[in-house]
Amino acid sequence: MVDTGLLKIKSEEIIEFSSEIGITFGFAESLTGGMISSSVVNVPGASAVFKGSVVSYTNEIKERVLGVPSGIIDAHTEVSGECAQAMAEGAHDILGVDLAVSVTGIAGPAGSLPGKPVGTVFVGYCYSGPNVKDMISGSVEYHFAGTRNEVRITTALTALNTAISLIREGRA
């Protein structure tokens, strides 16, 4: 079982580090359906650094709201590093934040795609904070085991850890 108390701890950390450095952040969430954002707004003081989130559970919203090109989804599927990166870049732009982190993947119990079993997750990022020379963006692939909820919680924790690493070290 995944410890959900870690979500609170990591949410407090991202708010603390963002406040210290003076950056804002936001998310683009698919499989987590707002879990990451909800965890962050449970922390007092979040409004000083957290600007918002886009829950883009469907490809239509990924394309229409976040600006993910349909060609990326056609060529790589919505569960891909390319899609995760485009989601983060879109969130960075529309939310007007220094840091955007995105998540897309397959939580299960069904829904696997060819070559992408249940538990496949991509975390995307787009960062233009003070500790990086130029804007950086990219994605990282993960494979998590567990129930649907465990995959979602682990994904949320991984997204928060990615954001914290970018804020602290300027890299994912």
Protein backbone atom coordinates (compact mmCIF):
# COMPACT_ATOMS: atom_id res chain seq x y z
CA MET A 1 0.00 0.00 0.00
CA VAL A 2 1.23 3.48 -0.88
CA ASP A 3 1.47 5.98 1.99
CA THR A 4 -0.85 8.88 1.11
CA GLY A 5 0.71 10.92 3.94
CA LEU A 6 3.68 11.39 1.64
CA LEU A 7 1.48 13.47 -0.68
CA LYS A 8 1.00 15.99 2.11
CA ILE A 9 4.72 16.07 2.90
CA LYS A 10 5.72 16.51 -0.76
CA SER A 11 3.03 19.16 -1.27
CA GLU A 12 4.40 21.11 1.68
CA GLU A 13 7.92 20.80 0.24
CA ILE A 14 7.01 22.13 -3.20
CA ILE A 15 5.22 25.11 -1.66
CA GLU A 16 8.17 25.82 0.64
CA PHE A 17 10.80 25.57 -2.12
CA SER A 18 8.71 27.56 -4.61
CA SER A 19 8.21 30.31 -2.04
CA GLU A 20 11.93 30.44 -1.22
CA ILE A 21 12.96 30.76 -4.86
CA GLY A 22 9.99 32.91 -5.87
CA ILE A 23 8.49 30.78 -8.62
CA THR A 24 4.97 29.73 -9.54
CA PHE A 25 3.87 26.29 -10.66
CA GLY A 26 0.94 24.32 -12.04
CA PHE A 27 0.00 20.92 -13.40
CA ALA A 28 -1.59 19.14 -16.33
CA GLU A 29 -3.12 15.93 -15.02
CA SER A 30 -4.60 13.01 -16.88
CA LEU A 31 -4.63 9.71 -14.97
CA THR A 32 -4.43 11.44 -11.58
CA GLY A 33 -7.58 13.44 -12.32
CA GLY A 34 -6.70 16.40 -10.08
CA MET A 35 -5.14 14.40 -7.23
CA ILE A 36 -1.85 16.31 -7.40
CA SER A 37 -3.52 19.72 -7.38
CA SER A 38 -5.89 18.70 -4.61
CA SER A 39 -2.96 17.61 -2.48
CA VAL A 40 -1.21 20.95 -3.03
CA VAL A 41 -4.24 23.13 -2.24
CA ASN A 42 -4.71 21.29 1.06
CA VAL A 43 -1.57 23.08 2.27
CA PRO A 44 -2.02 26.58 3.73
CA GLY A 45 -0.16 29.17 1.68
CA ALA A 46 -0.49 27.29 -1.61
CA SER A 47 -2.17 30.25 -3.29
CA ALA A 48 1.07 32.23 -3.12
CA VAL A 49 2.82 29.91 -5.58
CA PHE A 50 0.28 27.48 -7.11
CA LYS A 51 -1.59 29.05 -10.06
CA GLY A 52 -3.76 26.19 -11.25
CA SER A 53 -4.15 22.95 -13.07
CA VAL A 54 -5.74 21.45 -16.15
CA VAL A 55 -7.33 18.03 -15.78
CA SER A 56 -7.08 16.71 -19.31
CA TYR A 57 -8.50 13.23 -19.00
CA THR A 58 -9.48 12.97 -22.66
CA ASN A 59 -7.49 13.50 -25.84
CA GLU A 60 -9.94 16.22 -26.86
CA ILE A 61 -8.95 18.34 -23.85
CA LYS A 62 -5.27 17.54 -24.28
CA GLU A 63 -5.51 18.90 -27.82
CA ARG A 64 -8.06 21.72 -27.44
CA VAL A 65 -7.02 23.18 -24.09
CA LEU A 66 -3.34 22.24 -23.70
CA GLY A 67 -2.53 22.48 -27.41
CA VAL A 68 -1.09 18.98 -27.77
CA PRO A 69 -0.82 18.45 -31.53
CA SER A 70 -3.07 15.63 -32.75
CA GLY A 71 -0.08 14.34 -34.71
CA ILE A 72 1.70 13.53 -31.45
CA ILE A 73 -1.23 11.48 -30.21
CA ASP A 74 -1.68 9.82 -33.63
CA ALA A 75 2.00 8.87 -33.87
CA HIS A 76 2.83 8.09 -30.23
CA THR A 77 -0.56 7.80 -28.38
CA GLU A 78 -1.67 9.86 -25.42
CA VAL A 79 0.50 7.65 -23.19
CA SER A 80 3.90 8.80 -24.41
CA GLY A 81 6.78 11.02 -23.49
CA GLU A 82 6.00 13.26 -26.44
CA CYS A 83 2.45 13.80 -25.21
CA ALA A 84 3.57 14.38 -21.61
CA GLN A 85 6.11 16.99 -22.73
CA ALA A 86 3.55 18.76 -24.94
CA MET A 87 1.04 18.75 -22.05
CA ALA A 88 3.61 20.36 -19.74
CA GLU A 89 4.57 22.96 -22.34
CA GLY A 90 0.90 23.78 -22.92
CA ALA A 91 0.23 24.11 -19.19
CA HIS A 92 3.34 26.30 -18.81
CA ASP A 93 1.97 28.67 -21.42
CA ILE A 94 -1.73 28.79 -20.54
CA LEU A 95 -1.21 28.93 -16.77
CA GLY A 96 1.62 31.46 -17.06
CA VAL A 97 3.81 29.59 -14.56
CA ASP A 98 7.53 29.11 -14.16
CA LEU A 99 7.11 25.35 -13.76
CA ALA A 100 4.51 22.99 -15.18
CA VAL A 101 4.50 19.26 -14.58
CA SER A 102 2.21 16.86 -16.42
CA VAL A 103 1.21 13.23 -16.01
CA THR A 104 -0.30 10.78 -18.47
CA GLY A 105 -0.48 7.03 -18.28
CA ILE A 106 -2.46 3.86 -17.70
CA ALA A 107 -3.66 3.28 -14.13
CA GLY A 108 -5.65 0.14 -14.93
CA PRO A 109 -7.05 -2.28 -14.27
CA ALA A 110 -7.55 -2.34 -18.07
CA GLY A 111 -6.55 -0.01 -20.88
CA SER A 112 -3.10 -1.22 -21.83
CA LEU A 113 -1.83 -0.21 -25.25
CA PRO A 114 0.59 -2.14 -27.48
CA GLY A 115 3.97 -2.01 -25.74
CA LYS A 116 2.49 0.00 -22.87
CA PRO A 117 1.12 -2.19 -20.09
CA VAL A 118 -0.95 -1.03 -17.14
CA GLY A 119 1.30 1.02 -14.85
CA THR A 120 3.07 2.81 -17.71
CA VAL A 121 3.30 6.50 -16.79
CA PHE A 122 5.01 9.53 -18.30
CA VAL A 123 5.81 12.65 -16.29
CA GLY A 124 6.43 15.73 -18.39
CA TYR A 125 7.92 19.04 -17.35
CA CYS A 126 8.51 22.55 -18.62
CA TYR A 127 10.58 24.87 -16.46
CA SER A 128 11.85 28.41 -16.88
CA GLY A 129 12.85 29.17 -13.29
CA PRO A 130 15.73 31.29 -12.04
CA ASN A 131 18.12 28.36 -11.58
CA VAL A 132 18.09 27.38 -15.28
CA LYS A 133 19.66 29.36 -18.12
CA ASP A 134 17.01 28.59 -20.74
CA MET A 135 13.61 26.95 -20.54
CA ILE A 136 13.90 23.18 -20.24
CA SER A 137 11.29 20.60 -21.07
CA GLY A 138 11.13 16.86 -21.40
CA SER A 139 9.59 13.74 -19.96
CA VAL A 140 10.47 10.62 -18.02
CA GLU A 141 8.92 7.17 -18.38
CA TYR A 142 7.98 5.03 -15.37
CA HIS A 143 6.42 1.62 -14.79
CA PHE A 144 4.48 1.30 -11.54
CA ALA A 145 2.90 -1.79 -10.03
CA GLY A 146 -0.17 -1.98 -7.85
CA THR A 147 -3.86 -1.30 -7.90
CA ARG A 148 -5.38 1.53 -9.92
CA ASN A 149 -5.32 3.80 -6.88
CA GLU A 150 -1.74 2.83 -5.98
CA VAL A 151 -0.57 3.67 -9.51
CA ARG A 152 -2.35 7.03 -9.32
CA ILE A 153 -0.88 7.90 -5.90
CA THR A 154 2.62 6.81 -6.94
CA THR A 155 2.26 8.94 -10.07
CA ALA A 156 1.22 11.96 -7.98
CA LEU A 157 4.22 11.49 -5.67
CA THR A 158 6.55 11.13 -8.65
CA ALA A 159 5.19 14.32 -10.22
CA LEU A 160 5.72 16.24 -6.99
CA ASN A 161 9.25 14.82 -6.65
CA THR A 162 9.98 15.84 -10.24
CA ALA A 163 8.80 19.38 -9.52
CA ILE A 164 10.87 19.56 -6.34
CA SER A 165 14.01 18.33 -8.16
CA LEU A 166 13.54 20.94 -10.87
CA ILE A 167 13.10 23.72 -8.33
CA ARG A 168 16.07 22.63 -6.20
CA GLU A 169 18.51 21.51 -8.86
CA GLY A 170 17.25 22.83 -12.21
CA ARG A 171 16.83 19.28 -13.55
CA ALA A 172 14.29 16.47 -13.42
